[in-house]
Amino acid sequence: MRLLIISFIILFFAPFINAQCDNLTLKQEVEMTENIAIVQGLSIKGDSVFVEVIKKWKGDSIGKYLQFKLENVLSENYRIDTGKTYILFWYNGISVDPCSRSSEFKYAHFEYELNVLFEDYKVENVYKYDSIQYNKSNIFQSDTLIYDNGKGNYAFYHVEENELKSFSDLPKPLSRFKQRKFYVIDENIETTKKKYDVVFAVIVSNEKPEITTDFKKKALQSLFK
């Protein structure tokens, strides 16, 4: 119950907090910010969270490892947790401004633009970077099962647009509150052109679509067009 109340408070006040933030373009924020990097939370020691720098665009003073103050859920600063990957914009110090573009890496969609702005960016850990890039581009979940789009033949029926989409053309998850969700419609479907291991319905909504017989029929018919 306590967690539910805290979540409600955060959701209720988030629009007011965001309303006080300057509406900067990416280029403006890049010019104003001292450090920009992809980091991964490693461990917590005392009141600090230690992170590893995976890729760095800006910040000559950034080493391979650094630490930030461990923020609570109601903190005025951006919270960094262990086991997660982030793209961070911050000034030299131990906290991150919540008004910045800082976010979990899977919700960040401006990496290519940063690469263009910084031709001399540096990947600090190639193995980890390749891994999180691959996961961001290929891994998704339906109910409790994890799927890898690079290791299976899957079809994706976009519910809102009522048509079949490739995985790369699906809407991106923009936040933890507005994610795309996958629901299994059927398995081992074969057309004259291709065989699909699983056919998914994809929707950006908190409401699960009702997988009726008519719904399945409509989605599967799109495979044969």
Foldseek 3Di string as FASTA:
>chain_A
DVVVVLVVVCVVCVVVLLVPFDPDDPVVLVVVFQWKFKWAFADDDDQKTKIATFKTQHHPPDDRIDIAGADDPPDQFDHHDHPFIKIATHHPDRTGHPSDPIDGPLQDDCVVVSCVVRVPIDGPHVVVVVVVVQCSQFWDDADHDIDGNVPFAEWEQEVVVLAIDDSVPDDGQNHPQWHKHWYWLDAQDDDPVDTGGTYIYIYGDPDDDDNDPVNSVSRVVNVHD
